[in-house]
Amino acid sequence: MRFVTAASNLRSLVFSIAPLSLYEVKGIAGNIIPAIATTNAITAGLQVMEALKILGREPGALVRDTCRYTYCLRNVTGRKGHLLQPVKLDPPVAKCFVCSKTQVHLQVNTRRMTLSGLLSKVIKGRLSFTEPTIMLGDGEIWMEGKDAEDFSVNLPKTLANCPNGGVRDGVVMIVEDFLQDLEVNILIHHQDQWPDTEEKTAEEDVEPDHFILGAPADKKVVLPASNNGTEGGDGGGGSAAEKRPLSDSSVGGSAAE
C-alpha cells in the first residue's frame, strides 16, 4: 500500500491534484477491490442463467427466442424496482460477415497481386482482421503469430503461385481470426483489366494496388448451398457489411477513392 500511495501521489502532483494520505488511499482501494469482485460475480451468475436456458431449450428452438440480453440499470425502474432489465436478442444482420455467414466477393488480378499485398491491403486494411489465418484447399498458406516464420516464404508470391493449387478465379479462401472469433469466406474473381487503368504501367513487375470488394456487375454469382443455403446475386454477399462497410470500391495508388 505504501508503494501504491507513493505512485498515486506522484501521478496526482503531475495533474495538480492534492495528494492523499496512506489511510485515505487504503480506504479508496478497499472499496474498489470488493466492488470488482461483486460485479464479476453478478456477471458470471447471469451468464450461467443464460447457459442453462440453452441447455434446457426445446429441440429446434432458436437461441434468440430463448436467451436475453441483460442490462444493468443505474437507477431502480418499474413498479417492482428492478435493476436488471432483460431484452430480446437482436437478429443477425444479413450483410454483416461478423454475425452471419456471409461470403465476401473480391475482384483482384491473381497473377500480379502478392499474398503480402492481399494481407496488408484487403484482409487487414479493409476487413480489419488482426491475426489472420488463410486456408486454401487442404491447408494453410498463411498463419499469423509465432508460426508466421514458417509461412513467410509465401508472402512475395503472387496469389496464382501460392501453394495448394494457387488462388485463381472461382476459388474460395477461408480467413480466420481467433483473436476476434471471426471467420469469413472470400470468393475470388480474377480481373486482368480495370475500367480506370486501361493504360498499362511501364514496369510490368510492379505490384498493382487495385482490388474491388464485391461481385462483378457482369456476373451472376450463385453461392453453393453448402456455405449458407442461399443464392447470391450481383450485389456480392459481403459488399455492404454494417459493422465493417464493404462498399464496392477500388483501392490503390493510381485509383484511390
C-alpha atoms as a PDB file:
ATOM      1  CA  MET A   1       0.000   0.000   0.000  1.00  0.00           C
ATOM      2  CA  ARG A   2       2.916   2.349   0.617  1.00  0.00           C
ATOM      3  CA  PHE A   3       4.076   1.842  -2.982  1.00  0.00           C
ATOM      4  CA  VAL A   4       0.551   2.406  -4.319  1.00  0.00           C
ATOM      5  CA  THR A   5       0.227   5.563  -2.227  1.00  0.00           C
ATOM      6  CA  ALA A   6       3.576   6.929  -3.426  1.00  0.00           C
ATOM      7  CA  ALA A   7       2.851   6.181  -7.095  1.00  0.00           C
ATOM      8  CA  SER A   8      -0.651   7.667  -6.962  1.00  0.00           C
ATOM      9  CA  ASN A   9       0.551  10.817  -5.205  1.00  0.00           C
ATOM     10  CA  LEU A  10       3.293  11.343  -7.804  1.00  0.00           C
ATOM     11  CA  ARG A  11       0.684  10.975 -10.521  1.00  0.00           C
ATOM     12  CA  SER A  12      -1.633  13.374  -8.699  1.00  0.00           C
ATOM     13  CA  LEU A  13       1.078  16.038  -8.498  1.00  0.00           C
ATOM     14  CA  VAL A  14       1.523  15.893 -12.280  1.00  0.00           C
ATOM     15  CA  PHE A  15      -2.119  16.938 -12.712  1.00  0.00           C
ATOM     16  CA  SER A  16      -2.149  19.379  -9.772  1.00  0.00           C
ATOM     17  CA  ILE A  17      -4.318  17.083  -7.640  1.00  0.00           C
ATOM     18  CA  ALA A  18      -3.888  17.204  -3.875  1.00  0.00           C
ATOM     19  CA  PRO A  19      -2.036  14.116  -2.553  1.00  0.00           C
ATOM     20  CA  LEU A  20      -3.728  11.699  -0.148  1.00  0.00           C
ATOM     21  CA  SER A  21      -2.504  10.023   2.996  1.00  0.00           C
ATOM     22  CA  LEU A  22      -1.818   6.300   3.319  1.00  0.00           C
ATOM     23  CA  TYR A  23      -5.056   5.856   5.260  1.00  0.00           C
ATOM     24  CA  GLU A  24      -7.142   7.663   2.593  1.00  0.00           C
ATOM     25  CA  VAL A  25      -5.640   5.627  -0.253  1.00  0.00           C
ATOM     26  CA  LYS A  26      -6.253   2.405   1.677  1.00  0.00           C
ATOM     27  CA  GLY A  27      -9.906   3.374   2.086  1.00  0.00           C
ATOM     28  CA  ILE A  28     -10.325   4.018  -1.647  1.00  0.00           C
ATOM     29  CA  ALA A  29      -8.592   0.777  -2.665  1.00  0.00           C
ATOM     30  CA  GLY A  30     -10.573  -1.152  -0.069  1.00  0.00           C
ATOM     31  CA  ASN A  31     -13.821  -0.048  -1.722  1.00  0.00           C
ATOM     32  CA  ILE A  32     -12.695  -0.739  -5.286  1.00  0.00           C
ATOM     33  CA  ILE A  33     -11.479  -4.326  -4.845  1.00  0.00           C
ATOM     34  CA  PRO A  34     -14.738  -5.722  -3.331  1.00  0.00           C
ATOM     35  CA  ALA A  35     -16.751  -3.837  -5.962  1.00  0.00           C
ATOM     36  CA  ILE A  36     -14.846  -5.570  -8.774  1.00  0.00           C
ATOM     37  CA  ALA A  37     -15.362  -8.997  -7.234  1.00  0.00           C
ATOM     38  CA  THR A  38     -19.074  -8.333  -6.695  1.00  0.00           C
ATOM     39  CA  THR A  39     -19.575  -7.134 -10.280  1.00  0.00           C
ATOM     40  CA  ASN A  40     -17.760 -10.179 -11.650  1.00  0.00           C
ATOM     41  CA  ALA A  41     -19.928 -12.480  -9.539  1.00  0.00           C
ATOM     42  CA  ILE A  42     -23.152 -10.868 -10.791  1.00  0.00           C
ATOM     43  CA  THR A  43     -21.999 -11.101 -14.420  1.00  0.00           C
ATOM     44  CA  ALA A  44     -20.949 -14.742 -14.007  1.00  0.00           C
ATOM     45  CA  GLY A  45     -24.327 -15.582 -12.471  1.00  0.00           C
ATOM     46  CA  LEU A  46     -26.184 -14.012 -15.405  1.00  0.00           C
ATOM     47  CA  GLN A  47     -24.035 -15.963 -17.869  1.00  0.00           C
ATOM     48  CA  VAL A  48     -24.785 -19.234 -16.078  1.00  0.00           C
ATOM     49  CA  MET A  49     -28.522 -18.499 -16.163  1.00  0.00           C
ATOM     50  CA  GLU A  50     -28.398 -17.929 -19.933  1.00  0.00           C
ATOM     51  CA  ALA A  51     -26.304 -21.094 -20.403  1.00  0.00           C
ATOM     52  CA  LEU A  52     -28.941 -23.106 -18.517  1.00  0.00           C
ATOM     53  CA  LYS A  53     -31.596 -21.743 -20.880  1.00  0.00           C
ATOM     54  CA  ILE A  54     -29.598 -23.014 -23.872  1.00  0.00           C
ATOM     55  CA  LEU A  55     -29.151 -26.453 -22.304  1.00  0.00           C
ATOM     56  CA  GLY A  56     -32.808 -26.744 -21.372  1.00  0.00           C
ATOM     57  CA  ARG A  57     -34.414 -25.329 -24.507  1.00  0.00           C
ATOM     58  CA  GLU A  58     -36.792 -27.345 -26.662  1.00  0.00           C
ATOM     59  CA  PRO A  59     -35.374 -29.143 -29.728  1.00  0.00           C
ATOM     60  CA  GLY A  60     -35.418 -26.789 -32.689  1.00  0.00           C
ATOM     61  CA  ALA A  61     -35.850 -23.653 -30.582  1.00  0.00           C
ATOM     62  CA  LEU A  62     -33.768 -20.677 -31.670  1.00  0.00           C
ATOM     63  CA  VAL A  63     -31.233 -19.089 -29.354  1.00  0.00           C
ATOM     64  CA  ARG A  64     -32.663 -15.614 -29.943  1.00  0.00           C
ATOM     65  CA  ASP A  65     -36.075 -16.831 -28.722  1.00  0.00           C
ATOM     66  CA  THR A  66     -34.604 -18.449 -25.605  1.00  0.00           C
ATOM     67  CA  CYS A  67     -31.846 -16.140 -24.379  1.00  0.00           C
ATOM     68  CA  ARG A  68     -31.898 -12.470 -23.438  1.00  0.00           C
ATOM     69  CA  TYR A  69     -29.582  -9.507 -23.187  1.00  0.00           C
ATOM     70  CA  THR A  70     -29.395  -8.226 -19.597  1.00  0.00           C
ATOM     71  CA  TYR A  71     -28.829  -4.534 -18.945  1.00  0.00           C
ATOM     72  CA  CYS A  72     -27.712  -3.355 -15.513  1.00  0.00           C
ATOM     73  CA  LEU A  73     -29.531  -0.083 -14.870  1.00  0.00           C
ATOM     74  CA  ARG A  74     -28.091   2.802 -12.885  1.00  0.00           C
ATOM     75  CA  ASN A  75     -31.414   3.626 -11.256  1.00  0.00           C
ATOM     76  CA  VAL A  76     -34.274   1.478  -9.993  1.00  0.00           C
ATOM     77  CA  THR A  77     -37.070   1.338 -12.569  1.00  0.00           C
ATOM     78  CA  GLY A  78     -40.567  -0.079 -12.747  1.00  0.00           C
ATOM     79  CA  ARG A  79     -43.088  -0.892 -10.053  1.00  0.00           C
ATOM     80  CA  LYS A  80     -41.004  -3.805  -8.786  1.00  0.00           C
ATOM     81  CA  GLY A  81     -37.815  -1.774  -8.558  1.00  0.00           C
ATOM     82  CA  HIS A  82     -35.719  -3.793 -10.995  1.00  0.00           C
ATOM     83  CA  LEU A  83     -32.041  -3.067 -11.559  1.00  0.00           C
ATOM     84  CA  LEU A  84     -31.602  -5.798 -14.204  1.00  0.00           C
ATOM     85  CA  GLN A  85     -33.560  -5.395 -17.432  1.00  0.00           C
ATOM     86  CA  PRO A  86     -33.688  -8.403 -19.846  1.00  0.00           C
ATOM     87  CA  VAL A  87     -34.403  -7.731 -23.531  1.00  0.00           C
ATOM     88  CA  LYS A  88     -34.700  -9.968 -26.596  1.00  0.00           C
ATOM     89  CA  LEU A  89     -31.651 -10.693 -28.720  1.00  0.00           C
ATOM     90  CA  ASP A  90     -31.322  -8.770 -31.972  1.00  0.00           C
ATOM     91  CA  PRO A  91     -31.377 -10.903 -35.144  1.00  0.00           C
ATOM     92  CA  PRO A  92     -28.089 -11.157 -37.074  1.00  0.00           C
ATOM     93  CA  VAL A  93     -27.502  -8.570 -39.786  1.00  0.00           C
ATOM     94  CA  ALA A  94     -27.682 -10.368 -43.124  1.00  0.00           C
ATOM     95  CA  LYS A  95     -24.998  -8.205 -44.766  1.00  0.00           C
ATOM     96  CA  CYS A  96     -22.544  -8.347 -41.857  1.00  0.00           C
ATOM     97  CA  PHE A  97     -19.902 -11.087 -42.021  1.00  0.00           C
ATOM     98  CA  VAL A  98     -19.277 -10.802 -38.258  1.00  0.00           C
ATOM     99  CA  CYS A  99     -22.685 -12.053 -37.125  1.00  0.00           C
ATOM    100  CA  SER A 100     -23.763 -14.002 -40.220  1.00  0.00           C
ATOM    101  CA  LYS A 101     -22.163 -16.488 -42.584  1.00  0.00           C
ATOM    102  CA  THR A 102     -21.732 -14.058 -45.450  1.00  0.00           C
ATOM    103  CA  GLN A 103     -19.418 -14.661 -48.380  1.00  0.00           C
ATOM    104  CA  VAL A 104     -17.236 -11.725 -49.415  1.00  0.00           C
ATOM    105  CA  HIS A 105     -16.517 -11.302 -53.124  1.00  0.00           C
ATOM    106  CA  LEU A 106     -13.084  -9.958 -54.111  1.00  0.00           C
ATOM    107  CA  GLN A 107     -12.052  -8.842 -57.601  1.00  0.00           C
ATOM    108  CA  VAL A 108      -8.272  -8.899 -57.990  1.00  0.00           C
ATOM    109  CA  ASN A 109      -5.546  -9.707 -60.512  1.00  0.00           C
ATOM    110  CA  THR A 110      -4.331 -13.011 -59.083  1.00  0.00           C
ATOM    111  CA  ARG A 111      -1.273 -13.068 -61.364  1.00  0.00           C
ATOM    112  CA  ARG A 112       0.063  -9.745 -60.086  1.00  0.00           C
ATOM    113  CA  MET A 113      -1.238  -9.228 -56.543  1.00  0.00           C
ATOM    114  CA  THR A 114       1.034 -10.886 -53.980  1.00  0.00           C
ATOM    115  CA  LEU A 115      -0.010 -12.606 -50.777  1.00  0.00           C
ATOM    116  CA  SER A 116       1.686  -9.785 -48.866  1.00  0.00           C
ATOM    117  CA  GLY A 117      -0.447  -7.215 -50.678  1.00  0.00           C
ATOM    118  CA  LEU A 118      -3.600  -9.222 -50.039  1.00  0.00           C
ATOM    119  CA  LEU A 119      -2.828  -9.353 -46.318  1.00  0.00           C
ATOM    120  CA  SER A 120      -1.951  -5.680 -45.866  1.00  0.00           C
ATOM    121  CA  LYS A 121      -4.452  -4.043 -48.221  1.00  0.00           C
ATOM    122  CA  VAL A 122      -7.509  -6.299 -48.112  1.00  0.00           C
ATOM    123  CA  ILE A 123      -7.581  -8.649 -45.133  1.00  0.00           C
ATOM    124  CA  LYS A 124      -6.034  -6.281 -42.578  1.00  0.00           C
ATOM    125  CA  GLY A 125      -6.615  -2.936 -44.286  1.00  0.00           C
ATOM    126  CA  ARG A 126     -10.253  -3.297 -45.313  1.00  0.00           C
ATOM    127  CA  LEU A 127     -11.648  -6.316 -43.454  1.00  0.00           C
ATOM    128  CA  SER A 128      -9.935  -5.332 -40.164  1.00  0.00           C
ATOM    129  CA  PHE A 129      -8.503  -8.753 -39.295  1.00  0.00           C
ATOM    130  CA  THR A 130      -5.837  -8.682 -36.563  1.00  0.00           C
ATOM    131  CA  GLU A 131      -4.069 -12.048 -36.753  1.00  0.00           C
ATOM    132  CA  PRO A 132      -5.487 -13.781 -39.836  1.00  0.00           C
ATOM    133  CA  THR A 133      -5.009 -17.399 -40.856  1.00  0.00           C
ATOM    134  CA  ILE A 134      -5.657 -18.078 -44.556  1.00  0.00           C
ATOM    135  CA  MET A 135      -6.886 -21.532 -45.561  1.00  0.00           C
ATOM    136  CA  LEU A 136      -6.656 -22.565 -49.197  1.00  0.00           C
ATOM    137  CA  GLY A 137      -7.596 -26.047 -50.326  1.00  0.00           C
ATOM    138  CA  ASP A 138      -6.405 -28.630 -47.817  1.00  0.00           C
ATOM    139  CA  GLY A 139      -4.024 -26.438 -45.817  1.00  0.00           C
ATOM    140  CA  GLU A 140      -2.879 -23.011 -44.723  1.00  0.00           C
ATOM    141  CA  ILE A 141      -0.927 -20.585 -46.880  1.00  0.00           C
ATOM    142  CA  TRP A 142      -0.537 -18.029 -44.095  1.00  0.00           C
ATOM    143  CA  MET A 143      -0.742 -18.132 -40.310  1.00  0.00           C
ATOM    144  CA  GLU A 144      -0.106 -15.152 -38.055  1.00  0.00           C
ATOM    145  CA  GLY A 145       1.772 -15.318 -34.762  1.00  0.00           C
ATOM    146  CA  LYS A 146       4.708 -17.481 -33.790  1.00  0.00           C
ATOM    147  CA  ASP A 147       4.200 -19.723 -36.850  1.00  0.00           C
ATOM    148  CA  ALA A 148       4.424 -16.782 -39.277  1.00  0.00           C
ATOM    149  CA  GLU A 149       8.096 -17.515 -39.953  1.00  0.00           C
ATOM    150  CA  ASP A 150       7.197 -20.875 -41.493  1.00  0.00           C
ATOM    151  CA  PHE A 151       4.837 -19.207 -43.985  1.00  0.00           C
ATOM    152  CA  SER A 152       6.894 -16.071 -44.725  1.00  0.00           C
ATOM    153  CA  VAL A 153       8.213 -17.711 -47.911  1.00  0.00           C
ATOM    154  CA  ASN A 154       4.710 -17.317 -49.393  1.00  0.00           C
ATOM    155  CA  LEU A 155       4.487 -13.536 -48.867  1.00  0.00           C
ATOM    156  CA  PRO A 156       6.304 -12.418 -52.070  1.00  0.00           C
ATOM    157  CA  LYS A 157       4.481 -14.992 -54.213  1.00  0.00           C
ATOM    158  CA  THR A 158       1.621 -13.915 -56.427  1.00  0.00           C
ATOM    159  CA  LEU A 159      -1.767 -15.296 -55.485  1.00  0.00           C
ATOM    160  CA  ALA A 160      -1.796 -17.605 -58.511  1.00  0.00           C
ATOM    161  CA  ASN A 161       1.541 -19.129 -57.437  1.00  0.00           C
ATOM    162  CA  CYS A 162       0.607 -19.795 -53.817  1.00  0.00           C
ATOM    163  CA  PRO A 163       0.684 -23.396 -52.511  1.00  0.00           C
ATOM    164  CA  ASN A 164      -2.286 -25.789 -52.631  1.00  0.00           C
ATOM    165  CA  GLY A 165      -3.076 -25.002 -56.264  1.00  0.00           C
ATOM    166  CA  GLY A 166      -2.886 -21.227 -56.020  1.00  0.00           C
ATOM    167  CA  VAL A 167      -5.579 -18.567 -55.738  1.00  0.00           C
ATOM    168  CA  ARG A 168      -7.469 -18.499 -59.030  1.00  0.00           C
ATOM    169  CA  ASP A 169     -10.808 -17.363 -60.401  1.00  0.00           C
ATOM    170  CA  GLY A 170     -13.676 -19.034 -58.550  1.00  0.00           C
ATOM    171  CA  VAL A 171     -11.545 -20.209 -55.623  1.00  0.00           C
ATOM    172  CA  VAL A 172     -12.878 -19.696 -52.092  1.00  0.00           C
ATOM    173  CA  MET A 173     -10.382 -18.772 -49.366  1.00  0.00           C
ATOM    174  CA  ILE A 174     -11.266 -19.190 -45.699  1.00  0.00           C
ATOM    175  CA  VAL A 175      -9.845 -16.469 -43.451  1.00  0.00           C
ATOM    176  CA  GLU A 176      -9.980 -16.924 -39.673  1.00  0.00           C
ATOM    177  CA  ASP A 177      -9.015 -14.675 -36.776  1.00  0.00           C
ATOM    178  CA  PHE A 178      -9.013 -16.462 -33.433  1.00  0.00           C
ATOM    179  CA  LEU A 179      -8.422 -13.228 -31.509  1.00  0.00           C
ATOM    180  CA  GLN A 180     -11.718 -11.791 -32.768  1.00  0.00           C
ATOM    181  CA  ASP A 181     -13.526 -15.152 -33.101  1.00  0.00           C
ATOM    182  CA  LEU A 182     -14.123 -14.245 -36.738  1.00  0.00           C
ATOM    183  CA  GLU A 183     -14.308 -16.330 -39.916  1.00  0.00           C
ATOM    184  CA  VAL A 184     -15.149 -15.249 -43.455  1.00  0.00           C
ATOM    185  CA  ASN A 185     -15.139 -16.916 -46.873  1.00  0.00           C
ATOM    186  CA  ILE A 186     -13.632 -14.855 -49.707  1.00  0.00           C
ATOM    187  CA  LEU A 187     -14.715 -15.769 -53.254  1.00  0.00           C
ATOM    188  CA  ILE A 188     -12.056 -14.705 -55.775  1.00  0.00           C
ATOM    189  CA  HIS A 189     -12.902 -13.109 -59.137  1.00  0.00           C
ATOM    190  CA  HIS A 190      -9.802 -12.743 -61.329  1.00  0.00           C
ATOM    191  CA  GLN A 191      -9.583  -9.468 -63.281  1.00  0.00           C
ATOM    192  CA  ASP A 192      -6.980  -8.661 -65.966  1.00  0.00           C
ATOM    193  CA  GLN A 193      -8.170  -5.168 -66.843  1.00  0.00           C
ATOM    194  CA  TRP A 194      -9.688  -2.399 -64.763  1.00  0.00           C
ATOM    195  CA  PRO A 195     -12.002   0.265 -66.200  1.00  0.00           C
ATOM    196  CA  ASP A 196      -9.895   3.140 -64.846  1.00  0.00           C
ATOM    197  CA  THR A 197      -6.466   1.657 -65.721  1.00  0.00           C
ATOM    198  CA  GLU A 198      -6.646   0.766 -69.410  1.00  0.00           C
ATOM    199  CA  GLU A 199      -3.127   2.105 -69.946  1.00  0.00           C
ATOM    200  CA  LYS A 200      -0.638  -0.354 -68.543  1.00  0.00           C
ATOM    201  CA  THR A 201       2.202   0.776 -66.308  1.00  0.00           C
ATOM    202  CA  ALA A 202       5.722   0.999 -67.695  1.00  0.00           C
ATOM    203  CA  GLU A 203       7.014  -1.619 -65.265  1.00  0.00           C
ATOM    204  CA  GLU A 204       5.019  -4.821 -65.593  1.00  0.00           C
ATOM    205  CA  ASP A 205       6.568  -6.273 -62.440  1.00  0.00           C
ATOM    206  CA  VAL A 206       5.158  -3.523 -60.212  1.00  0.00           C
ATOM    207  CA  GLU A 207       2.533  -4.914 -57.854  1.00  0.00           C
ATOM    208  CA  PRO A 208      -0.872  -3.377 -58.691  1.00  0.00           C
ATOM    209  CA  ASP A 209      -2.862  -1.880 -55.847  1.00  0.00           C
ATOM    210  CA  HIS A 210      -6.256  -2.389 -57.412  1.00  0.00           C
ATOM    211  CA  PHE A 211      -8.973  -4.559 -55.938  1.00  0.00           C
ATOM    212  CA  ILE A 212     -12.732  -4.336 -55.633  1.00  0.00           C
ATOM    213  CA  LEU A 213     -14.797  -5.785 -52.816  1.00  0.00           C
ATOM    214  CA  GLY A 214     -17.991  -7.030 -54.423  1.00  0.00           C
ATOM    215  CA  ALA A 215     -19.035  -9.339 -57.256  1.00  0.00           C
ATOM    216  CA  PRO A 216     -18.501  -8.208 -60.871  1.00  0.00           C
ATOM    217  CA  ALA A 217     -21.533  -6.485 -62.359  1.00  0.00           C
ATOM    218  CA  ASP A 218     -21.484  -8.697 -65.466  1.00  0.00           C
ATOM    219  CA  LYS A 219     -21.594 -11.969 -63.499  1.00  0.00           C
ATOM    220  CA  LYS A 220     -24.486 -13.643 -61.716  1.00  0.00           C
ATOM    221  CA  VAL A 221     -22.894 -15.361 -58.753  1.00  0.00           C
ATOM    222  CA  VAL A 222     -24.618 -18.422 -57.284  1.00  0.00           C
ATOM    223  CA  LEU A 223     -23.384 -19.333 -53.833  1.00  0.00           C
ATOM    224  CA  PRO A 224     -23.016 -23.038 -53.053  1.00  0.00           C
ATOM    225  CA  ALA A 225     -25.787 -24.372 -50.823  1.00  0.00           C
ATOM    226  CA  SER A 226     -23.144 -25.858 -48.507  1.00  0.00           C
ATOM    227  CA  ASN A 227     -21.999 -22.388 -47.447  1.00  0.00           C
ATOM    228  CA  ASN A 228     -25.214 -20.731 -46.385  1.00  0.00           C
ATOM    229  CA  GLY A 229     -28.021 -22.429 -48.310  1.00  0.00           C
ATOM    230  CA  THR A 230     -28.911 -19.295 -50.285  1.00  0.00           C
ATOM    231  CA  GLU A 231     -28.201 -17.950 -53.704  1.00  0.00           C
ATOM    232  CA  GLY A 232     -26.254 -14.748 -54.216  1.00  0.00           C
ATOM    233  CA  GLY A 233     -26.876 -12.165 -56.898  1.00  0.00           C
ATOM    234  CA  ASP A 234     -24.885  -9.383 -58.448  1.00  0.00           C
ATOM    235  CA  GLY A 235     -24.506  -7.470 -55.210  1.00  0.00           C
ATOM    236  CA  GLY A 236     -21.910  -9.732 -53.655  1.00  0.00           C
ATOM    237  CA  GLY A 237     -22.648 -11.226 -50.249  1.00  0.00           C
ATOM    238  CA  GLY A 238     -20.405  -9.110 -48.054  1.00  0.00           C
ATOM    239  CA  SER A 239     -20.194  -5.953 -50.093  1.00  0.00           C
ATOM    240  CA  ALA A 240     -22.114  -3.749 -47.670  1.00  0.00           C
ATOM    241  CA  ALA A 241     -21.460  -5.029 -44.174  1.00  0.00           C
ATOM    242  CA  GLU A 242     -22.920  -2.867 -41.468  1.00  0.00           C
ATOM    243  CA  LYS A 243     -20.206  -3.280 -38.848  1.00  0.00           C
ATOM    244  CA  ARG A 244     -17.375  -3.107 -41.343  1.00  0.00           C
ATOM    245  CA  PRO A 245     -18.563  -1.305 -44.506  1.00  0.00           C
ATOM    246  CA  LEU A 246     -17.545  -3.179 -47.651  1.00  0.00           C
ATOM    247  CA  SER A 247     -18.856  -0.918 -50.395  1.00  0.00           C
ATOM    248  CA  ASP A 248     -17.709  -1.615 -53.946  1.00  0.00           C
ATOM    249  CA  SER A 249     -14.559   0.443 -54.268  1.00  0.00           C
ATOM    250  CA  SER A 250     -11.130   0.319 -55.823  1.00  0.00           C
ATOM    251  CA  VAL A 251      -8.121   0.799 -53.611  1.00  0.00           C
ATOM    252  CA  GLY A 252      -4.718   1.747 -54.889  1.00  0.00           C
ATOM    253  CA  GLY A 253      -2.175   4.433 -55.598  1.00  0.00           C
ATOM    254  CA  SER A 254      -3.482   5.302 -59.046  1.00  0.00           C
ATOM    255  CA  ALA A 255      -7.126   4.633 -58.279  1.00  0.00           C
ATOM    256  CA  ALA A 256      -7.612   5.973 -54.774  1.00  0.00           C
ATOM    257  CA  GLU A 257     -11.063   6.565 -53.510  1.00  0.00           C
END
